[in-house]
Amino acid sequence: SSDLPAGNGAKFTVKAGLPQCSTTPNDIRVSRSVHASFLPGQAHNSCMGNSYLWVKAFHIVFVASWFAGLFYLPRIFVNLAMVEPSSHAERERLLLMARKLYKFSTLLMVPALALGLWLWIVVGIGWGPGQGWMHAKLAVVVAIIGYHHVCRRILRTFEEGRNQRSHKWFRVFNEITVLGFIASVVLVVVKPF
């Protein structure tokens, strides 16, 4: 065991290769400085127990589930745009599916965002210099939230019978979520800047 400075005047003890946090009021600041400059990831595991890993795991699950809903909802829009005007039963069935999927996707979005905010604000992921990837990721998240709300507006136009767009337009619209998902994963995993 040895004591190391944590960058803010506090002591940081390493036992058996894993950092151990002190019980001072500066624990979160110690955790952030250690995470940023000493052993990335391990500081959170030891300072916050398994809660960090559980929150991170459920954040990933809820984000992936939210995106699954966003991948599928525009596919329903494609089918709605292709429904013949005389096929009322098919149109109503697709509208019901779209409504339920939108509501369920919204329920998945809320914990995904809440857990992501917890990781960012409480744990400190993405804080400090050299964290430009987090700013880019936040911009992607805001764009995807906007996309989510645009889907609601599109659903409303179908419900009111005012859709003027073709199924081809919705096929292209569907790809926006794929690009957003790729951007999010690359920014979090690769951290290019």
N, C-alpha and C. Protein backbone atom coordinates (compact mmCIF):
# COMPACT_ATOMS: atom_id res chain seq x y z
N SER A 1 0.84 -1.18 0.00
CA SER A 1 0.00 0.00 0.00
C SER A 1 0.88 1.23 0.00
N SER A 2 0.45 2.25 -0.75
CA SER A 2 1.21 3.50 -0.79
C SER A 2 0.24 4.66 -0.97
N ASP A 3 0.64 5.83 -0.45
CA ASP A 3 -0.18 7.03 -0.58
C ASP A 3 0.32 7.85 -1.77
N LEU A 4 -0.62 8.29 -2.59
CA LEU A 4 -0.30 9.11 -3.76
C LEU A 4 -1.12 10.39 -3.70
N PRO A 5 -0.58 11.50 -4.19
CA PRO A 5 -1.40 12.72 -4.24
C PRO A 5 -2.49 12.55 -5.29
N ALA A 6 -3.66 13.06 -5.00
CA ALA A 6 -4.79 12.94 -5.93
C ALA A 6 -4.96 14.17 -6.80
N GLY A 7 -4.05 15.13 -6.72
CA GLY A 7 -4.12 16.30 -7.58
C GLY A 7 -4.84 17.48 -6.96
N ASN A 8 -5.44 17.30 -5.79
CA ASN A 8 -6.15 18.41 -5.16
C ASN A 8 -5.77 18.53 -3.69
N GLY A 9 -4.60 18.00 -3.34
CA GLY A 9 -4.14 18.08 -1.96
C GLY A 9 -4.53 16.90 -1.11
N ALA A 10 -5.48 16.09 -1.53
CA ALA A 10 -5.92 14.92 -0.76
C ALA A 10 -4.98 13.76 -1.03
N LYS A 11 -4.98 12.81 -0.14
CA LYS A 11 -4.16 11.60 -0.32
C LYS A 11 -5.02 10.52 -0.94
N PHE A 12 -4.40 9.71 -1.74
CA PHE A 12 -5.08 8.63 -2.43
C PHE A 12 -4.28 7.36 -2.18
N THR A 13 -4.89 6.34 -1.60
CA THR A 13 -4.19 5.13 -1.22
C THR A 13 -4.42 4.04 -2.25
N VAL A 14 -3.34 3.36 -2.63
CA VAL A 14 -3.45 2.23 -3.55
C VAL A 14 -3.12 0.97 -2.77
N LYS A 15 -4.07 0.03 -2.73
CA LYS A 15 -3.88 -1.25 -2.06
C LYS A 15 -4.16 -2.35 -3.07
N ALA A 16 -3.28 -3.27 -3.17
CA ALA A 16 -3.43 -4.42 -4.06
C ALA A 16 -3.75 -3.99 -5.49
N GLY A 17 -3.15 -2.85 -5.93
CA GLY A 17 -3.31 -2.42 -7.31
C GLY A 17 -4.57 -1.64 -7.61
N LEU A 18 -5.50 -1.52 -6.65
CA LEU A 18 -6.73 -0.79 -6.88
C LEU A 18 -6.78 0.45 -6.00
N PRO A 19 -7.18 1.59 -6.54
CA PRO A 19 -7.26 2.80 -5.72
C PRO A 19 -8.40 2.72 -4.70
N GLN A 20 -8.20 3.30 -3.55
CA GLN A 20 -9.20 3.36 -2.50
C GLN A 20 -9.41 4.82 -2.14
N CYS A 21 -10.66 5.26 -2.12
CA CYS A 21 -10.94 6.67 -1.82
C CYS A 21 -10.95 6.91 -0.32
N SER A 22 -10.60 8.14 0.04
CA SER A 22 -10.73 8.54 1.44
C SER A 22 -12.20 8.84 1.71
N THR A 23 -12.50 9.14 2.97
CA THR A 23 -13.90 9.44 3.32
C THR A 23 -14.08 10.93 3.55
N THR A 24 -13.30 11.76 2.87
CA THR A 24 -13.42 13.20 3.02
C THR A 24 -14.54 13.72 2.14
N PRO A 25 -14.97 14.96 2.38
CA PRO A 25 -16.01 15.55 1.53
C PRO A 25 -15.56 15.72 0.08
N ASN A 26 -14.27 15.55 -0.18
CA ASN A 26 -13.74 15.73 -1.53
C ASN A 26 -13.75 14.44 -2.34
N ASP A 27 -14.47 13.41 -1.88
CA ASP A 27 -14.42 12.11 -2.56
C ASP A 27 -14.72 12.20 -4.05
N ILE A 28 -15.77 12.93 -4.41
CA ILE A 28 -16.11 12.99 -5.83
C ILE A 28 -15.02 13.71 -6.59
N ARG A 29 -14.47 14.79 -6.03
CA ARG A 29 -13.39 15.50 -6.71
C ARG A 29 -12.16 14.60 -6.81
N VAL A 30 -11.86 13.85 -5.75
CA VAL A 30 -10.75 12.90 -5.79
C VAL A 30 -11.01 11.87 -6.88
N SER A 31 -12.24 11.35 -6.91
CA SER A 31 -12.59 10.36 -7.91
C SER A 31 -12.40 10.91 -9.32
N ARG A 32 -12.84 12.16 -9.54
CA ARG A 32 -12.71 12.75 -10.88
C ARG A 32 -11.25 12.94 -11.24
N SER A 33 -10.43 13.46 -10.32
CA SER A 33 -9.03 13.70 -10.66
C SER A 33 -8.30 12.38 -10.86
N VAL A 34 -8.63 11.37 -10.08
CA VAL A 34 -8.00 10.07 -10.26
C VAL A 34 -8.44 9.47 -11.58
N HIS A 35 -9.73 9.60 -11.87
CA HIS A 35 -10.23 9.05 -13.13
C HIS A 35 -9.55 9.72 -14.31
N ALA A 36 -9.35 11.03 -14.20
CA ALA A 36 -8.77 11.76 -15.32
C ALA A 36 -7.27 11.56 -15.44
N SER A 37 -6.56 11.29 -14.32
CA SER A 37 -5.12 11.30 -14.40
C SER A 37 -4.41 10.04 -13.90
N PHE A 38 -5.11 9.10 -13.27
CA PHE A 38 -4.39 7.98 -12.68
C PHE A 38 -4.78 6.66 -13.31
N LEU A 39 -5.87 6.09 -12.89
CA LEU A 39 -6.30 4.78 -13.39
C LEU A 39 -7.73 4.90 -13.93
N PRO A 40 -7.90 5.23 -15.20
CA PRO A 40 -9.25 5.43 -15.72
C PRO A 40 -10.16 4.25 -15.46
N GLY A 41 -11.35 4.55 -14.95
CA GLY A 41 -12.36 3.53 -14.72
C GLY A 41 -12.26 2.85 -13.37
N GLN A 42 -11.06 2.56 -12.90
CA GLN A 42 -10.91 1.84 -11.64
C GLN A 42 -11.26 2.70 -10.44
N ALA A 43 -11.03 4.01 -10.55
CA ALA A 43 -11.35 4.88 -9.42
C ALA A 43 -12.83 4.85 -9.11
N HIS A 44 -13.65 4.86 -10.15
CA HIS A 44 -15.09 4.84 -9.92
C HIS A 44 -15.53 3.51 -9.31
N ASN A 45 -14.94 2.43 -9.75
CA ASN A 45 -15.33 1.12 -9.24
C ASN A 45 -15.06 1.02 -7.74
N SER A 46 -13.91 1.49 -7.29
CA SER A 46 -13.60 1.36 -5.88
C SER A 46 -14.24 2.46 -5.05
N CYS A 47 -14.36 3.66 -5.58
CA CYS A 47 -14.92 4.77 -4.81
C CYS A 47 -16.42 4.65 -4.63
N MET A 48 -17.08 4.13 -5.62
CA MET A 48 -18.54 4.10 -5.58
C MET A 48 -19.07 2.69 -5.54
N GLY A 49 -18.22 1.74 -5.25
CA GLY A 49 -18.66 0.36 -5.20
C GLY A 49 -19.12 -0.10 -6.57
N ASN A 50 -20.06 -0.99 -6.57
CA ASN A 50 -20.58 -1.51 -7.83
C ASN A 50 -21.63 -0.61 -8.44
N SER A 51 -22.04 0.45 -7.75
CA SER A 51 -23.11 1.29 -8.29
C SER A 51 -22.73 1.90 -9.62
N TYR A 52 -21.49 2.32 -9.79
CA TYR A 52 -21.04 2.87 -11.06
C TYR A 52 -21.24 1.88 -12.19
N LEU A 53 -20.83 0.64 -11.97
CA LEU A 53 -20.97 -0.38 -13.01
C LEU A 53 -22.42 -0.70 -13.31
N TRP A 54 -23.27 -0.73 -12.27
CA TRP A 54 -24.69 -1.00 -12.48
C TRP A 54 -25.35 0.14 -13.27
N VAL A 55 -25.04 1.36 -12.89
CA VAL A 55 -25.61 2.51 -13.59
C VAL A 55 -25.15 2.52 -15.04
N LYS A 56 -23.87 2.28 -15.26
CA LYS A 56 -23.33 2.25 -16.62
C LYS A 56 -23.99 1.14 -17.44
N ALA A 57 -24.14 -0.04 -16.85
CA ALA A 57 -24.77 -1.16 -17.56
C ALA A 57 -26.22 -0.84 -17.93
N PHE A 58 -26.98 -0.30 -16.99
CA PHE A 58 -28.38 0.01 -17.29
C PHE A 58 -28.51 1.19 -18.24
N HIS A 59 -27.57 2.12 -18.19
CA HIS A 59 -27.57 3.22 -19.16
C HIS A 59 -27.42 2.64 -20.57
N ILE A 60 -26.50 1.73 -20.75
CA ILE A 60 -26.29 1.10 -22.07
C ILE A 60 -27.53 0.33 -22.50
N VAL A 61 -28.14 -0.42 -21.59
CA VAL A 61 -29.34 -1.20 -21.92
C VAL A 61 -30.48 -0.27 -22.35
N PHE A 62 -30.72 0.80 -21.59
CA PHE A 62 -31.82 1.70 -21.92
C PHE A 62 -31.55 2.49 -23.20
N VAL A 63 -30.30 2.89 -23.43
CA VAL A 63 -29.97 3.59 -24.67
C VAL A 63 -30.19 2.68 -25.87
N ALA A 64 -29.69 1.45 -25.79
CA ALA A 64 -29.87 0.50 -26.90
C ALA A 64 -31.35 0.21 -27.14
N SER A 65 -32.13 0.09 -26.08
CA SER A 65 -33.56 -0.18 -26.22
C SER A 65 -34.29 1.02 -26.81
N TRP A 66 -33.93 2.21 -26.37
CA TRP A 66 -34.52 3.43 -26.92
C TRP A 66 -34.24 3.52 -28.41
N PHE A 67 -32.98 3.27 -28.79
CA PHE A 67 -32.63 3.30 -30.21
C PHE A 67 -33.36 2.22 -31.00
N ALA A 68 -33.58 1.07 -30.41
CA ALA A 68 -34.34 0.02 -31.11
C ALA A 68 -35.73 0.52 -31.47
N GLY A 69 -36.37 1.23 -30.55
CA GLY A 69 -37.67 1.82 -30.85
C GLY A 69 -37.58 2.87 -31.95
N LEU A 70 -36.51 3.68 -31.91
CA LEU A 70 -36.34 4.70 -32.93
C LEU A 70 -35.96 4.09 -34.29
N PHE A 71 -35.35 2.92 -34.29
CA PHE A 71 -35.06 2.23 -35.55
C PHE A 71 -36.36 1.71 -36.19
N TYR A 72 -37.27 1.23 -35.36
CA TYR A 72 -38.46 0.56 -35.88
C TYR A 72 -39.61 1.51 -36.20
N LEU A 73 -39.75 2.59 -35.44
CA LEU A 73 -40.88 3.50 -35.64
C LEU A 73 -40.94 4.05 -37.07
N PRO A 74 -39.85 4.54 -37.64
CA PRO A 74 -39.92 5.00 -39.03
C PRO A 74 -40.24 3.88 -40.03
N ARG A 75 -39.94 2.64 -39.68
CA ARG A 75 -40.33 1.52 -40.55
C ARG A 75 -41.86 1.39 -40.58
N ILE A 76 -42.48 1.65 -39.45
CA ILE A 76 -43.95 1.68 -39.42
C ILE A 76 -44.46 2.84 -40.28
N PHE A 77 -43.75 3.99 -40.24
CA PHE A 77 -44.14 5.12 -41.08
C PHE A 77 -44.04 4.75 -42.57
N VAL A 78 -43.01 3.98 -42.94
CA VAL A 78 -42.88 3.52 -44.32
C VAL A 78 -44.14 2.74 -44.72
N ASN A 79 -44.54 1.82 -43.85
CA ASN A 79 -45.74 1.01 -44.14
C ASN A 79 -47.01 1.86 -44.17
N LEU A 80 -47.12 2.83 -43.26
CA LEU A 80 -48.27 3.72 -43.26
C LEU A 80 -48.35 4.53 -44.55
N ALA A 81 -47.20 4.97 -45.05
CA ALA A 81 -47.18 5.76 -46.28
C ALA A 81 -47.56 4.91 -47.49
N MET A 82 -47.43 3.59 -47.38
CA MET A 82 -47.75 2.70 -48.49
C MET A 82 -49.17 2.13 -48.43
N VAL A 83 -49.89 2.37 -47.33
CA VAL A 83 -51.24 1.82 -47.17
C VAL A 83 -52.19 2.47 -48.18
N GLU A 84 -52.97 1.64 -48.81
CA GLU A 84 -54.00 2.13 -49.75
C GLU A 84 -55.07 2.91 -48.97
N PRO A 85 -55.58 3.99 -49.53
CA PRO A 85 -56.61 4.79 -48.83
C PRO A 85 -57.83 3.99 -48.42
N SER A 86 -58.14 2.93 -49.14
CA SER A 86 -59.35 2.15 -48.83
C SER A 86 -59.12 1.12 -47.71
N SER A 87 -57.87 0.93 -47.30
CA SER A 87 -57.54 -0.10 -46.30
C SER A 87 -57.52 0.51 -44.90
N HIS A 88 -58.71 0.77 -44.36
CA HIS A 88 -58.82 1.42 -43.05
C HIS A 88 -58.32 0.53 -41.91
N ALA A 89 -58.60 -0.77 -41.97
CA ALA A 89 -58.19 -1.68 -40.89
C ALA A 89 -56.66 -1.75 -40.79
N GLU A 90 -55.99 -1.84 -41.93
CA GLU A 90 -54.52 -1.89 -41.92
C GLU A 90 -53.93 -0.58 -41.39
N ARG A 91 -54.51 0.53 -41.82
CA ARG A 91 -54.04 1.85 -41.36
C ARG A 91 -54.20 1.98 -39.85
N GLU A 92 -55.35 1.58 -39.33
CA GLU A 92 -55.59 1.67 -37.88
C GLU A 92 -54.68 0.75 -37.09
N ARG A 93 -54.41 -0.42 -37.61
CA ARG A 93 -53.49 -1.36 -36.94
C ARG A 93 -52.08 -0.77 -36.88
N LEU A 94 -51.61 -0.21 -37.99
CA LEU A 94 -50.28 0.40 -38.02
C LEU A 94 -50.20 1.62 -37.12
N LEU A 95 -51.26 2.43 -37.09
CA LEU A 95 -51.28 3.59 -36.20
C LEU A 95 -51.22 3.16 -34.73
N LEU A 96 -51.95 2.11 -34.39
CA LEU A 96 -51.93 1.60 -33.02
C LEU A 96 -50.52 1.13 -32.65
N MET A 97 -49.89 0.40 -33.57
CA MET A 97 -48.51 -0.06 -33.33
C MET A 97 -47.57 1.13 -33.14
N ALA A 98 -47.71 2.15 -33.99
CA ALA A 98 -46.84 3.32 -33.92
C ALA A 98 -47.05 4.08 -32.61
N ARG A 99 -48.29 4.24 -32.19
CA ARG A 99 -48.57 4.94 -30.92
C ARG A 99 -47.94 4.20 -29.74
N LYS A 100 -48.17 2.89 -29.70
CA LYS A 100 -47.63 2.11 -28.58
C LYS A 100 -46.10 2.13 -28.58
N LEU A 101 -45.50 2.01 -29.76
CA LEU A 101 -44.04 2.02 -29.84
C LEU A 101 -43.49 3.37 -29.44
N TYR A 102 -44.14 4.45 -29.86
CA TYR A 102 -43.66 5.77 -29.48
C TYR A 102 -43.72 5.96 -27.96
N LYS A 103 -44.82 5.56 -27.35
CA LYS A 103 -44.95 5.69 -25.89
C LYS A 103 -43.90 4.85 -25.17
N PHE A 104 -43.70 3.63 -25.64
CA PHE A 104 -42.71 2.75 -25.00
C PHE A 104 -41.30 3.30 -25.19
N SER A 105 -41.01 3.83 -26.39
CA SER A 105 -39.68 4.42 -26.63
C SER A 105 -39.45 5.62 -25.73
N THR A 106 -40.50 6.40 -25.50
CA THR A 106 -40.38 7.55 -24.61
C THR A 106 -40.09 7.10 -23.19
N LEU A 107 -40.74 6.03 -22.75
CA LEU A 107 -40.47 5.48 -21.41
C LEU A 107 -39.03 4.98 -21.30
N LEU A 108 -38.47 4.46 -22.38
CA LEU A 108 -37.08 4.00 -22.37
C LEU A 108 -36.10 5.18 -22.41
N MET A 109 -36.49 6.25 -23.09
CA MET A 109 -35.64 7.43 -23.21
C MET A 109 -35.37 8.07 -21.85
N VAL A 110 -36.37 8.13 -21.01
CA VAL A 110 -36.25 8.84 -19.74
C VAL A 110 -35.15 8.24 -18.85
N PRO A 111 -35.16 6.93 -18.56
CA PRO A 111 -34.06 6.41 -17.73
C PRO A 111 -32.72 6.44 -18.46
N ALA A 112 -32.72 6.30 -19.78
CA ALA A 112 -31.45 6.39 -20.53
C ALA A 112 -30.81 7.75 -20.30
N LEU A 113 -31.61 8.80 -20.41
CA LEU A 113 -31.09 10.16 -20.20
C LEU A 113 -30.74 10.41 -18.74
N ALA A 114 -31.59 9.95 -17.82
CA ALA A 114 -31.33 10.16 -16.39
C ALA A 114 -30.04 9.47 -15.95
N LEU A 115 -29.84 8.24 -16.38
CA LEU A 115 -28.62 7.52 -16.00
C LEU A 115 -27.39 8.14 -16.66
N GLY A 116 -27.55 8.60 -17.90
CA GLY A 116 -26.44 9.29 -18.57
C GLY A 116 -26.05 10.57 -17.85
N LEU A 117 -27.05 11.33 -17.41
CA LEU A 117 -26.78 12.55 -16.65
C LEU A 117 -26.09 12.22 -15.33
N TRP A 118 -26.51 11.14 -14.68
CA TRP A 118 -25.87 10.72 -13.42
C TRP A 118 -24.39 10.41 -13.67
N LEU A 119 -24.10 9.67 -14.74
CA LEU A 119 -22.71 9.35 -15.05
C LEU A 119 -21.90 10.60 -15.35
N TRP A 120 -22.52 11.57 -15.99
CA TRP A 120 -21.81 12.79 -16.37
C TRP A 120 -21.64 13.74 -15.18
N ILE A 121 -22.74 14.01 -14.46
CA ILE A 121 -22.71 15.02 -13.41
C ILE A 121 -22.17 14.48 -12.09
N VAL A 122 -22.63 13.31 -11.67
CA VAL A 122 -22.23 12.78 -10.36
C VAL A 122 -20.88 12.08 -10.43
N VAL A 123 -20.72 11.19 -11.39
CA VAL A 123 -19.47 10.43 -11.49
C VAL A 123 -18.37 11.28 -12.10
N GLY A 124 -18.72 12.15 -13.03
CA GLY A 124 -17.73 13.04 -13.62
C GLY A 124 -17.16 12.55 -14.94
N ILE A 125 -17.82 11.61 -15.58
CA ILE A 125 -17.33 11.14 -16.88
C ILE A 125 -17.44 12.28 -17.87
N GLY A 126 -16.35 12.56 -18.57
CA GLY A 126 -16.34 13.62 -19.57
C GLY A 126 -15.98 14.99 -19.04
N TRP A 127 -15.61 15.09 -17.78
CA TRP A 127 -15.21 16.36 -17.19
C TRP A 127 -13.72 16.57 -17.43
N GLY A 128 -13.31 17.80 -17.41
CA GLY A 128 -11.89 18.13 -17.47
C GLY A 128 -11.39 18.37 -18.89
N PRO A 129 -10.12 18.73 -18.97
CA PRO A 129 -9.54 19.01 -20.29
C PRO A 129 -9.43 17.73 -21.13
N GLY A 130 -9.46 17.90 -22.42
CA GLY A 130 -9.33 16.77 -23.33
C GLY A 130 -10.57 15.91 -23.43
N GLN A 131 -11.72 16.47 -23.11
CA GLN A 131 -12.97 15.71 -23.14
C GLN A 131 -13.92 16.23 -24.21
N GLY A 132 -13.37 16.65 -25.35
CA GLY A 132 -14.20 17.16 -26.43
C GLY A 132 -15.20 16.15 -26.96
N TRP A 133 -14.86 14.87 -26.81
CA TRP A 133 -15.78 13.82 -27.25
C TRP A 133 -17.11 13.91 -26.53
N MET A 134 -17.08 14.34 -25.24
CA MET A 134 -18.32 14.43 -24.47
C MET A 134 -19.21 15.56 -25.00
N HIS A 135 -18.60 16.67 -25.39
CA HIS A 135 -19.39 17.76 -25.96
C HIS A 135 -20.06 17.31 -27.26
N ALA A 136 -19.30 16.58 -28.08
CA ALA A 136 -19.87 16.06 -29.33
C ALA A 136 -20.97 15.05 -29.04
N LYS A 137 -20.77 14.20 -28.03
CA LYS A 137 -21.79 13.20 -27.69
C LYS A 137 -23.06 13.88 -27.20
N LEU A 138 -22.91 14.92 -26.39
CA LEU A 138 -24.08 15.65 -25.91
C LEU A 138 -24.84 16.29 -27.08
N ALA A 139 -24.11 16.78 -28.08
CA ALA A 139 -24.77 17.34 -29.27
C ALA A 139 -25.54 16.25 -30.01
N VAL A 140 -24.97 15.05 -30.10
CA VAL A 140 -25.66 13.92 -30.74
C VAL A 140 -26.91 13.56 -29.94
N VAL A 141 -26.80 13.53 -28.63
CA VAL A 141 -27.95 13.20 -27.78
C VAL A 141 -29.07 14.22 -27.97
N VAL A 142 -28.73 15.50 -28.00
CA VAL A 142 -29.75 16.54 -28.22
C VAL A 142 -30.41 16.34 -29.59
N ALA A 143 -29.61 16.01 -30.60
CA ALA A 143 -30.16 15.77 -31.94
C ALA A 143 -31.10 14.57 -31.95
N ILE A 144 -30.74 13.50 -31.23
CA ILE A 144 -31.59 12.31 -31.18
C ILE A 144 -32.88 12.59 -30.41
N ILE A 145 -32.80 13.39 -29.35
CA ILE A 145 -34.03 13.80 -28.64
C ILE A 145 -34.93 14.57 -29.60
N GLY A 146 -34.34 15.46 -30.39
CA GLY A 146 -35.11 16.19 -31.39
C GLY A 146 -35.74 15.25 -32.41
N TYR A 147 -34.99 14.26 -32.85
CA TYR A 147 -35.50 13.25 -33.79
C TYR A 147 -36.70 12.51 -33.17
N HIS A 148 -36.56 12.17 -31.91
CA HIS A 148 -37.64 11.49 -31.19
C HIS A 148 -38.92 12.32 -31.24
N HIS A 149 -38.80 13.62 -31.00
CA HIS A 149 -39.97 14.50 -31.01
C HIS A 149 -40.50 14.73 -32.43
N VAL A 150 -39.62 14.73 -33.41
CA VAL A 150 -40.08 14.82 -34.81
C VAL A 150 -40.91 13.59 -35.15
N CYS A 151 -40.51 12.43 -34.64
CA CYS A 151 -41.30 11.21 -34.86
C CYS A 151 -42.71 11.38 -34.32
N ARG A 152 -42.85 12.03 -33.19
CA ARG A 152 -44.20 12.27 -32.63
C ARG A 152 -45.01 13.17 -33.55
N ARG A 153 -44.36 14.21 -34.08
CA ARG A 153 -45.05 15.12 -34.98
C ARG A 153 -45.49 14.39 -36.26
N ILE A 154 -44.63 13.52 -36.78
CA ILE A 154 -44.97 12.73 -37.97
C ILE A 154 -46.14 11.79 -37.66
N LEU A 155 -46.09 11.15 -36.51
CA LEU A 155 -47.19 10.26 -36.11
C LEU A 155 -48.50 11.04 -36.07
N ARG A 156 -48.46 12.25 -35.56
CA ARG A 156 -49.66 13.09 -35.50
C ARG A 156 -50.19 13.39 -36.90
N THR A 157 -49.30 13.63 -37.87
CA THR A 157 -49.77 13.89 -39.24
C THR A 157 -50.45 12.66 -39.83
N PHE A 158 -49.95 11.46 -39.50
CA PHE A 158 -50.62 10.24 -39.96
C PHE A 158 -51.98 10.08 -39.28
N GLU A 159 -52.04 10.36 -37.99
CA GLU A 159 -53.31 10.25 -37.26
C GLU A 159 -54.36 11.19 -37.82
N GLU A 160 -53.94 12.36 -38.26
CA GLU A 160 -54.86 13.36 -38.79
C GLU A 160 -55.08 13.20 -40.30
N GLY A 161 -54.41 12.21 -40.91
CA GLY A 161 -54.57 11.97 -42.35
C GLY A 161 -53.96 13.04 -43.23
N ARG A 162 -52.92 13.73 -42.73
CA ARG A 162 -52.31 14.83 -43.48
C ARG A 162 -50.93 14.50 -44.06
N ASN A 163 -50.49 13.27 -44.00
CA ASN A 163 -49.15 12.95 -44.49
C ASN A 163 -49.05 13.17 -46.00
N GLN A 164 -48.00 13.86 -46.43
CA GLN A 164 -47.76 14.12 -47.85
C GLN A 164 -46.46 13.48 -48.32
N ARG A 165 -45.74 12.82 -47.42
CA ARG A 165 -44.43 12.27 -47.78
C ARG A 165 -44.57 10.83 -48.27
N SER A 166 -43.61 10.44 -49.12
CA SER A 166 -43.63 9.10 -49.70
C SER A 166 -42.92 8.11 -48.78
N HIS A 167 -43.13 6.85 -49.04
CA HIS A 167 -42.45 5.80 -48.27
C HIS A 167 -40.94 5.89 -48.48
N LYS A 168 -40.47 6.38 -49.62
CA LYS A 168 -39.03 6.53 -49.87
C LYS A 168 -38.43 7.58 -48.93
N TRP A 169 -39.16 8.66 -48.69
CA TRP A 169 -38.68 9.69 -47.77
C TRP A 169 -38.49 9.09 -46.37
N PHE A 170 -39.45 8.28 -45.94
CA PHE A 170 -39.36 7.68 -44.60
C PHE A 170 -38.23 6.65 -44.53
N ARG A 171 -37.90 6.00 -45.63
CA ARG A 171 -36.76 5.07 -45.65
C ARG A 171 -35.46 5.83 -45.38
N VAL A 172 -35.33 6.99 -45.98
CA VAL A 172 -34.13 7.81 -45.76
C VAL A 172 -34.16 8.39 -44.34
N PHE A 173 -35.31 8.87 -43.90
CA PHE A 173 -35.47 9.41 -42.54
C PHE A 173 -35.06 8.38 -41.50
N ASN A 174 -35.34 7.11 -41.75
CA ASN A 174 -35.02 6.02 -40.84
C ASN A 174 -33.51 5.90 -40.60
N GLU A 175 -32.70 6.27 -41.59
CA GLU A 175 -31.25 6.10 -41.48
C GLU A 175 -30.60 7.11 -40.53
N ILE A 176 -31.30 8.17 -40.20
CA ILE A 176 -30.73 9.17 -39.29
C ILE A 176 -30.39 8.55 -37.94
N THR A 177 -31.26 7.66 -37.45
CA THR A 177 -30.98 7.03 -36.15
C THR A 177 -29.76 6.13 -36.22
N VAL A 178 -29.55 5.48 -37.35
CA VAL A 178 -28.36 4.63 -37.51
C VAL A 178 -27.11 5.49 -37.40
N LEU A 179 -27.11 6.62 -38.08
CA LEU A 179 -25.95 7.52 -38.03
C LEU A 179 -25.74 8.06 -36.61
N GLY A 180 -26.84 8.39 -35.92
CA GLY A 180 -26.73 8.87 -34.55
C GLY A 180 -26.19 7.82 -33.61
N PHE A 181 -26.63 6.58 -33.79
CA PHE A 181 -26.16 5.49 -32.95
C PHE A 181 -24.66 5.23 -33.18
N ILE A 182 -24.26 5.21 -34.45
CA ILE A 182 -22.84 5.01 -34.78
C ILE A 182 -22.00 6.13 -34.17
N ALA A 183 -22.46 7.37 -34.34
CA ALA A 183 -21.72 8.51 -33.79
C ALA A 183 -21.58 8.40 -32.28
N SER A 184 -22.66 8.04 -31.59
CA SER A 184 -22.61 7.92 -30.13
C SER A 184 -21.62 6.86 -29.69
N VAL A 185 -21.68 5.71 -30.30
CA VAL A 185 -20.79 4.61 -29.91
C VAL A 185 -19.34 4.97 -30.18
N VAL A 186 -19.05 5.53 -31.36
CA VAL A 186 -17.67 5.89 -31.70
C VAL A 186 -17.15 6.95 -30.73
N LEU A 187 -17.96 7.95 -30.43
CA LEU A 187 -17.51 9.01 -29.52
C LEU A 187 -17.22 8.46 -28.12
N VAL A 188 -18.05 7.56 -27.62
CA VAL A 188 -17.86 7.02 -26.27
C VAL A 188 -16.70 6.04 -26.20
N VAL A 189 -16.57 5.20 -27.21
CA VAL A 189 -15.55 4.14 -27.16
C VAL A 189 -14.18 4.66 -27.62
N VAL A 190 -14.16 5.36 -28.75
CA VAL A 190 -12.87 5.80 -29.34
C VAL A 190 -12.39 7.10 -28.71
N LYS A 191 -13.33 7.97 -28.32
CA LYS A 191 -12.99 9.30 -27.75
C LYS A 191 -11.97 10.00 -28.66
N PRO A 192 -12.37 10.30 -29.92
CA PRO A 192 -11.39 10.81 -30.90
C PRO A 192 -10.80 12.18 -30.59
N PHE A 193 -11.43 12.94 -29.71
CA PHE A 193 -10.88 14.26 -29.35
C PHE A 193 -11.34 14.66 -27.98
